[in-house]
PDB file of N, CA and C in Angstrom:
ATOM      1  N   MET A   1       4.087   1.908  17.363  1.00  0.00           N
ATOM      2  CA  MET A   1       5.175   1.817  16.408  1.00  0.00           C
ATOM      3  C   MET A   1       6.341   2.642  16.946  1.00  0.00           C
ATOM      4  N   PRO A   2       7.560   2.091  16.892  1.00  0.00           N
ATOM      5  CA  PRO A   2       8.708   2.846  17.377  1.00  0.00           C
ATOM      6  C   PRO A   2       8.910   4.124  16.577  1.00  0.00           C
ATOM      7  N   ASN A   3       9.637   5.033  17.182  1.00  0.00           N
ATOM      8  CA  ASN A   3       9.890   6.318  16.530  1.00  0.00           C
ATOM      9  C   ASN A   3      10.912   6.117  15.406  1.00  0.00           C
ATOM     10  N   VAL A   4      10.435   5.911  14.199  1.00  0.00           N
ATOM     11  CA  VAL A   4      11.267   5.654  13.028  1.00  0.00           C
ATOM     12  C   VAL A   4      11.116   6.830  12.081  1.00  0.00           C
ATOM     13  N   LYS A   5      12.229   7.268  11.469  1.00  0.00           N
ATOM     14  CA  LYS A   5      12.153   8.362  10.492  1.00  0.00           C
ATOM     15  C   LYS A   5      11.365   7.887   9.289  1.00  0.00           C
ATOM     16  N   GLY A   6      10.403   8.677   8.924  1.00  0.00           N
ATOM     17  CA  GLY A   6       9.597   8.321   7.771  1.00  0.00           C
ATOM     18  C   GLY A   6       9.064   9.556   7.092  1.00  0.00           C
ATOM     19  N   TYR A   7       8.239   9.309   6.089  1.00  0.00           N
ATOM     20  CA  TYR A   7       7.699  10.380   5.268  1.00  0.00           C
ATOM     21  C   TYR A   7       6.177  10.328   5.285  1.00  0.00           C
ATOM     22  N   THR A   8       5.567  11.495   5.184  1.00  0.00           N
ATOM     23  CA  THR A   8       4.119  11.566   5.057  1.00  0.00           C
ATOM     24  C   THR A   8       3.735  11.290   3.603  1.00  0.00           C
ATOM     25  N   LEU A   9       2.461  11.073   3.362  1.00  0.00           N
ATOM     26  CA  LEU A   9       1.974  10.873   2.000  1.00  0.00           C
ATOM     27  C   LEU A   9       2.303  12.088   1.138  1.00  0.00           C
ATOM     28  N   LYS A  10       2.127  13.271   1.691  1.00  0.00           N
ATOM     29  CA  LYS A  10       2.420  14.496   0.938  1.00  0.00           C
ATOM     30  C   LYS A  10       3.902  14.571   0.574  1.00  0.00           C
ATOM     31  N   GLU A  11       4.776  14.256   1.526  1.00  0.00           N
ATOM     32  CA  GLU A  11       6.214  14.300   1.247  1.00  0.00           C
ATOM     33  C   GLU A  11       6.597  13.287   0.169  1.00  0.00           C
ATOM     34  N   VAL A  12       6.031  12.090   0.274  1.00  0.00           N
ATOM     35  CA  VAL A  12       6.333  11.048  -0.713  1.00  0.00           C
ATOM     36  C   VAL A  12       5.847  11.476  -2.091  1.00  0.00           C
ATOM     37  N   SER A  13       4.638  12.002  -2.175  1.00  0.00           N
ATOM     38  CA  SER A  13       4.110  12.392  -3.486  1.00  0.00           C
ATOM     39  C   SER A  13       4.969  13.498  -4.101  1.00  0.00           C
ATOM     40  N   GLN A  14       5.469  14.422  -3.283  1.00  0.00           N
ATOM     41  CA  GLN A  14       6.340  15.486  -3.798  1.00  0.00           C
ATOM     42  C   GLN A  14       7.675  14.917  -4.272  1.00  0.00           C
ATOM     43  N   LYS A  15       8.245  13.999  -3.512  1.00  0.00           N
ATOM     44  CA  LYS A  15       9.543  13.417  -3.871  1.00  0.00           C
ATOM     45  C   LYS A  15       9.439  12.547  -5.123  1.00  0.00           C
ATOM     46  N   VAL A  16       8.319  11.818  -5.271  1.00  0.00           N
ATOM     47  CA  VAL A  16       8.144  10.951  -6.434  1.00  0.00           C
ATOM     48  C   VAL A  16       7.723  11.773  -7.647  1.00  0.00           C
ATOM     49  N   GLY A  17       7.004  12.873  -7.404  1.00  0.00           N
ATOM     50  CA  GLY A  17       6.576  13.735  -8.505  1.00  0.00           C
ATOM     51  C   GLY A  17       5.233  13.353  -9.091  1.00  0.00           C
ATOM     52  N   VAL A  18       4.396  12.717  -8.262  1.00  0.00           N
ATOM     53  CA  VAL A  18       3.033  12.375  -8.669  1.00  0.00           C
ATOM     54  C   VAL A  18       2.088  12.778  -7.540  1.00  0.00           C
ATOM     55  N   SER A  19       0.791  12.768  -7.819  1.00  0.00           N
ATOM     56  CA  SER A  19      -0.172  13.171  -6.796  1.00  0.00           C
ATOM     57  C   SER A  19      -0.276  12.127  -5.684  1.00  0.00           C
ATOM     58  N   ALA A  20      -0.763  12.575  -4.533  1.00  0.00           N
ATOM     59  CA  ALA A  20      -0.999  11.657  -3.416  1.00  0.00           C
ATOM     60  C   ALA A  20      -1.998  10.580  -3.829  1.00  0.00           C
ATOM     61  N   ALA A  21      -2.992  10.954  -4.623  1.00  0.00           N
ATOM     62  CA  ALA A  21      -3.990   9.979  -5.090  1.00  0.00           C
ATOM     63  C   ALA A  21      -3.336   8.890  -5.938  1.00  0.00           C
ATOM     64  N   THR A  22      -2.345   9.257  -6.737  1.00  0.00           N
ATOM     65  CA  THR A  22      -1.630   8.279  -7.554  1.00  0.00           C
ATOM     66  C   THR A  22      -0.855   7.317  -6.667  1.00  0.00           C
ATOM     67  N   ILE A  23      -0.191   7.826  -5.642  1.00  0.00           N
ATOM     68  CA  ILE A  23       0.549   6.966  -4.710  1.00  0.00           C
ATOM     69  C   ILE A  23      -0.407   5.960  -4.076  1.00  0.00           C
ATOM     70  N   VAL A  24      -1.537   6.453  -3.580  1.00  0.00           N
ATOM     71  CA  VAL A  24      -2.522   5.573  -2.942  1.00  0.00           C
ATOM     72  C   VAL A  24      -3.038   4.532  -3.944  1.00  0.00           C
ATOM     73  N   ARG A  25      -3.314   4.954  -5.171  1.00  0.00           N
ATOM     74  CA  ARG A  25      -3.809   4.022  -6.194  1.00  0.00           C
ATOM     75  C   ARG A  25      -2.780   2.933  -6.484  1.00  0.00           C
ATOM     76  N   TRP A  26      -1.512   3.311  -6.619  1.00  0.00           N
ATOM     77  CA  TRP A  26      -0.469   2.316  -6.871  1.00  0.00           C
ATOM     78  C   TRP A  26      -0.417   1.282  -5.748  1.00  0.00           C
ATOM     79  N   ILE A  27      -0.590   1.738  -4.514  1.00  0.00           N
ATOM     80  CA  ILE A  27      -0.528   0.828  -3.370  1.00  0.00           C
ATOM     81  C   ILE A  27      -1.790  -0.030  -3.293  1.00  0.00           C
ATOM     82  N   GLU A  28      -2.957   0.598  -3.441  1.00  0.00           N
ATOM     83  CA  GLU A  28      -4.232  -0.125  -3.355  1.00  0.00           C
ATOM     84  C   GLU A  28      -4.370  -1.183  -4.444  1.00  0.00           C
ATOM     85  N   THR A  29      -3.860  -0.895  -5.628  1.00  0.00           N
ATOM     86  CA  THR A  29      -3.954  -1.848  -6.739  1.00  0.00           C
ATOM     87  C   THR A  29      -2.753  -2.790  -6.785  1.00  0.00           C
ATOM     88  N   LYS A  30      -1.923  -2.697  -5.757  1.00  0.00           N
ATOM     89  CA  LYS A  30      -0.753  -3.569  -5.599  1.00  0.00           C
ATOM     90  C   LYS A  30       0.253  -3.455  -6.747  1.00  0.00           C
ATOM     91  N   LYS A  31       0.323  -2.282  -7.359  1.00  0.00           N
ATOM     92  CA  LYS A  31       1.334  -2.025  -8.388  1.00  0.00           C
ATOM     93  C   LYS A  31       2.718  -1.946  -7.743  1.00  0.00           C
ATOM     94  N   VAL A  32       2.734  -1.433  -6.505  1.00  0.00           N
ATOM     95  CA  VAL A  32       3.968  -1.324  -5.727  1.00  0.00           C
ATOM     96  C   VAL A  32       3.720  -2.026  -4.397  1.00  0.00           C
ATOM     97  N   LYS A  33       4.620  -2.912  -4.024  1.00  0.00           N
ATOM     98  CA  LYS A  33       4.452  -3.667  -2.781  1.00  0.00           C
ATOM     99  C   LYS A  33       4.968  -2.846  -1.600  1.00  0.00           C
ATOM    100  N   VAL A  34       4.048  -2.080  -1.017  1.00  0.00           N
ATOM    101  CA  VAL A  34       4.338  -1.258   0.153  1.00  0.00           C
ATOM    102  C   VAL A  34       3.302  -1.624   1.207  1.00  0.00           C
ATOM    103  N   VAL A  35       3.768  -1.983   2.394  1.00  0.00           N
ATOM    104  CA  VAL A  35       2.850  -2.284   3.492  1.00  0.00           C
ATOM    105  C   VAL A  35       2.365  -0.956   4.065  1.00  0.00           C
ATOM    106  N   LYS A  36       1.038  -0.798   4.131  1.00  0.00           N
ATOM    107  CA  LYS A  36       0.491   0.455   4.653  1.00  0.00           C
ATOM    108  C   LYS A  36       0.758   0.528   6.153  1.00  0.00           C
ATOM    109  N   LYS A  37       1.373   1.617   6.571  1.00  0.00           N
ATOM    110  CA  LYS A  37       1.677   1.842   7.974  1.00  0.00           C
ATOM    111  C   LYS A  37       1.096   3.196   8.372  1.00  0.00           C
ATOM    112  N   LYS A  38       0.737   3.327   9.640  1.00  0.00           N
ATOM    113  CA  LYS A  38       0.245   4.610  10.139  1.00  0.00           C
ATOM    114  C   LYS A  38       1.080   5.019  11.345  1.00  0.00           C
ATOM    115  N   ASN A  39       1.279   6.340  11.476  1.00  0.00           N
ATOM    116  CA  ASN A  39       2.026   6.843  12.626  1.00  0.00           C
ATOM    117  C   ASN A  39       1.084   6.972  13.826  1.00  0.00           C
ATOM    118  N   ALA A  40       1.584   7.503  14.925  1.00  0.00           N
ATOM    119  CA  ALA A  40       0.799   7.625  16.155  1.00  0.00           C
ATOM    120  C   ALA A  40      -0.446   8.493  15.970  1.00  0.00           C
ATOM    121  N   GLN A  41      -0.418   9.415  15.010  1.00  0.00           N
ATOM    122  CA  GLN A  41      -1.568  10.290  14.755  1.00  0.00           C
ATOM    123  C   GLN A  41      -2.568   9.665  13.786  1.00  0.00           C
ATOM    124  N   GLY A  42      -2.251   8.501  13.243  1.00  0.00           N
ATOM    125  CA  GLY A  42      -3.160   7.822  12.334  1.00  0.00           C
ATOM    126  C   GLY A  42      -2.966   8.160  10.860  1.00  0.00           C
ATOM    127  N   TYR A  43      -1.887   8.873  10.539  1.00  0.00           N
ATOM    128  CA  TYR A  43      -1.614   9.232   9.152  1.00  0.00           C
ATOM    129  C   TYR A  43      -0.695   8.199   8.513  1.00  0.00           C
ATOM    130  N   TYR A  44      -0.824   8.037   7.202  1.00  0.00           N
ATOM    131  CA  TYR A  44       0.053   7.103   6.515  1.00  0.00           C
ATOM    132  C   TYR A  44       1.499   7.536   6.658  1.00  0.00           C
ATOM    133  N   PHE A  45       2.359   6.543   6.754  1.00  0.00           N
ATOM    134  CA  PHE A  45       3.759   6.727   7.060  1.00  0.00           C
ATOM    135  C   PHE A  45       4.559   5.846   6.111  1.00  0.00           C
ATOM    136  N   PHE A  46       5.590   6.404   5.487  1.00  0.00           N
ATOM    137  CA  PHE A  46       6.393   5.671   4.512  1.00  0.00           C
ATOM    138  C   PHE A  46       7.854   5.689   4.932  1.00  0.00           C
ATOM    139  N   THR A  47       8.526   4.561   4.784  1.00  0.00           N
ATOM    140  CA  THR A  47       9.954   4.476   5.089  1.00  0.00           C
ATOM    141  C   THR A  47      10.755   4.873   3.856  1.00  0.00           C
ATOM    142  N   GLU A  48      12.056   4.978   4.025  1.00  0.00           N
ATOM    143  CA  GLU A  48      12.947   5.259   2.897  1.00  0.00           C
ATOM    144  C   GLU A  48      12.836   4.143   1.860  1.00  0.00           C
ATOM    145  N   ALA A  49      12.734   2.895   2.324  1.00  0.00           N
ATOM    146  CA  ALA A  49      12.603   1.762   1.395  1.00  0.00           C
ATOM    147  C   ALA A  49      11.315   1.877   0.585  1.00  0.00           C
ATOM    148  N   ASP A  50      10.215   2.291   1.242  1.00  0.00           N
ATOM    149  CA  ASP A  50       8.950   2.495   0.533  1.00  0.00           C
ATOM    150  C   ASP A  50       9.124   3.562  -0.548  1.00  0.00           C
ATOM    151  N   LEU A  51       9.773   4.654  -0.173  1.00  0.00           N
ATOM    152  CA  LEU A  51       9.991   5.752  -1.115  1.00  0.00           C
ATOM    153  C   LEU A  51      10.778   5.259  -2.329  1.00  0.00           C
ATOM    154  N   GLN A  52      11.810   4.479  -2.099  1.00  0.00           N
ATOM    155  CA  GLN A  52      12.624   3.981  -3.206  1.00  0.00           C
ATOM    156  C   GLN A  52      11.821   3.056  -4.126  1.00  0.00           C
ATOM    157  N   LYS A  53      10.930   2.243  -3.569  1.00  0.00           N
ATOM    158  CA  LYS A  53      10.070   1.383  -4.396  1.00  0.00           C
ATOM    159  C   LYS A  53       9.161   2.226  -5.285  1.00  0.00           C
ATOM    160  N   LEU A  54       8.601   3.290  -4.718  1.00  0.00           N
ATOM    161  CA  LEU A  54       7.694   4.153  -5.481  1.00  0.00           C
ATOM    162  C   LEU A  54       8.438   4.922  -6.573  1.00  0.00           C
ATOM    163  N   VAL A  55       9.628   5.415  -6.256  1.00  0.00           N
ATOM    164  CA  VAL A  55      10.444   6.110  -7.261  1.00  0.00           C
ATOM    165  C   VAL A  55      10.812   5.130  -8.376  1.00  0.00           C
ATOM    166  N   GLY A  56      11.174   3.918  -8.008  1.00  0.00           N
ATOM    167  CA  GLY A  56      11.531   2.910  -8.995  1.00  0.00           C
ATOM    168  C   GLY A  56      10.372   2.581  -9.919  1.00  0.00           C
ATOM    169  N   TYR A  57       9.165   2.498  -9.352  1.00  0.00           N
ATOM    170  CA  TYR A  57       7.988   2.208 -10.174  1.00  0.00           C
ATOM    171  C   TYR A  57       7.746   3.342 -11.168  1.00  0.00           C
ATOM    172  N   LYS A  58       7.855   4.581 -10.707  1.00  0.00           N
ATOM    173  CA  LYS A  58       7.660   5.712 -11.618  1.00  0.00           C
ATOM    174  C   LYS A  58       8.723   5.694 -12.716  1.00  0.00           C
ATOM    175  N   ASP A  59       9.962   5.399 -12.352  1.00  0.00           N
ATOM    176  CA  ASP A  59      11.040   5.333 -13.350  1.00  0.00           C
ATOM    177  C   ASP A  59      10.751   4.258 -14.396  1.00  0.00           C
ATOM    178  N   ARG A  60      10.202   3.133 -13.972  1.00  0.00           N
ATOM    179  CA  ARG A  60       9.847   2.070 -14.914  1.00  0.00           C
ATOM    180  C   ARG A  60       8.749   2.526 -15.865  1.00  0.00           C
ATOM    181  N   ILE A  61       7.782   3.261 -15.344  1.00  0.00           N
ATOM    182  CA  ILE A  61       6.711   3.795 -16.199  1.00  0.00           C
ATOM    183  C   ILE A  61       7.317   4.720 -17.250  1.00  0.00           C
ATOM    184  N   LEU A  62       8.177   5.625 -16.809  1.00  0.00           N
ATOM    185  CA  LEU A  62       8.785   6.589 -17.734  1.00  0.00           C
ATOM    186  C   LEU A  62       9.662   5.906 -18.775  1.00  0.00           C
ATOM    187  N   ALA A  63      10.232   4.757 -18.415  1.00  0.00           N
ATOM    188  CA  ALA A  63      11.074   4.015 -19.352  1.00  0.00           C
ATOM    189  C   ALA A  63      10.239   3.165 -20.311  1.00  0.00           C
ATOM    190  N   GLY A  64       8.906   3.145 -20.104  1.00  0.00           N
ATOM    191  CA  GLY A  64       8.031   2.383 -20.984  1.00  0.00           C
ATOM    192  C   GLY A  64       7.983   0.898 -20.670  1.00  0.00           C
ATOM    193  N   ASP A  65       8.324   0.515 -19.450  1.00  0.00           N
ATOM    194  CA  ASP A  65       8.304  -0.893 -19.034  1.00  0.00           C
ATOM    195  C   ASP A  65       6.873  -1.431 -19.130  1.00  0.00           C
ATOM    196  N   PRO A  66       6.635  -2.443 -19.988  1.00  0.00           N
ATOM    197  CA  PRO A  66       5.277  -2.955 -20.164  1.00  0.00           C
ATOM    198  C   PRO A  66       4.719  -3.674 -18.938  1.00  0.00           C
ATOM    199  N   THR A  67       5.568  -4.066 -17.990  1.00  0.00           N
ATOM    200  CA  THR A  67       5.073  -4.762 -16.797  1.00  0.00           C
ATOM    201  C   THR A  67       4.399  -3.821 -15.810  1.00  0.00           C
ATOM    202  N   THR A  68       4.446  -2.516 -16.063  1.00  0.00           N
ATOM    203  CA  THR A  68       3.818  -1.567 -15.151  1.00  0.00           C
ATOM    204  C   THR A  68       2.325  -1.410 -15.416  1.00  0.00           C
ATOM    205  N   ASP A  69       1.840  -1.889 -16.549  1.00  0.00           N
ATOM    206  CA  ASP A  69       0.433  -1.725 -16.941  1.00  0.00           C
ATOM    207  C   ASP A  69       0.029  -0.259 -17.056  1.00  0.00           C
ATOM    208  N   ALA A  70       0.998   0.605 -17.248  1.00  0.00           N
ATOM    209  CA  ALA A  70       0.710   2.035 -17.372  1.00  0.00           C
ATOM    210  C   ALA A  70       0.907   2.428 -18.837  1.00  0.00           C
ATOM    211  N   PRO A  71       0.154   3.405 -19.290  1.00  0.00           N
ATOM    212  CA  PRO A  71       0.365   3.864 -20.672  1.00  0.00           C
ATOM    213  C   PRO A  71       1.744   4.485 -20.808  1.00  0.00           C
ATOM    214  N   PRO A  72       2.370   4.366 -21.964  1.00  0.00           N
ATOM    215  CA  PRO A  72       3.680   4.991 -22.141  1.00  0.00           C
ATOM    216  C   PRO A  72       3.574   6.504 -22.040  1.00  0.00           C
ATOM    217  N   PRO A  73       4.656   7.145 -21.617  1.00  0.00           N
ATOM    218  CA  PRO A  73       4.590   8.613 -21.506  1.00  0.00           C
ATOM    219  C   PRO A  73       4.380   9.243 -22.878  1.00  0.00           C
ATOM    220  N   LYS A  74       3.657  10.351 -22.876  1.00  0.00           N
ATOM    221  CA  LYS A  74       3.407  11.090 -24.112  1.00  0.00           C
ATOM    222  C   LYS A  74       4.651  11.878 -24.479  1.00  0.00           C
ATOM    223  N   PRO A  75       5.007  11.880 -25.771  1.00  0.00           N
ATOM    224  CA  PRO A  75       6.182  12.682 -26.170  1.00  0.00           C
ATOM    225  C   PRO A  75       5.912  14.162 -25.959  1.00  0.00           C
ATOM    226  N   GLU A  76       6.950  14.874 -25.630  1.00  0.00           N
ATOM    227  CA  GLU A  76       6.794  16.326 -25.377  1.00  0.00           C
ATOM    228  C   GLU A  76       6.963  17.113 -26.651  1.00  0.00           C
TER     229      GLU A  76
END
């Protein structure tokens, strides 16, 4: 794979504000259409476009979008 700027799973989970396990679950269950990529070391690698898709999905959950299949956020 060419040397492309990307993010690790840990960086993505921090930027999105959810656990790494949640990111993986969203991808594995096809909630977010992200093609799994690995860097030269074999670790998952995310592009800026991938990050934006994940942030958008979280924003939809927080907005109560019923197409996310996620429970609505609990009131604080």
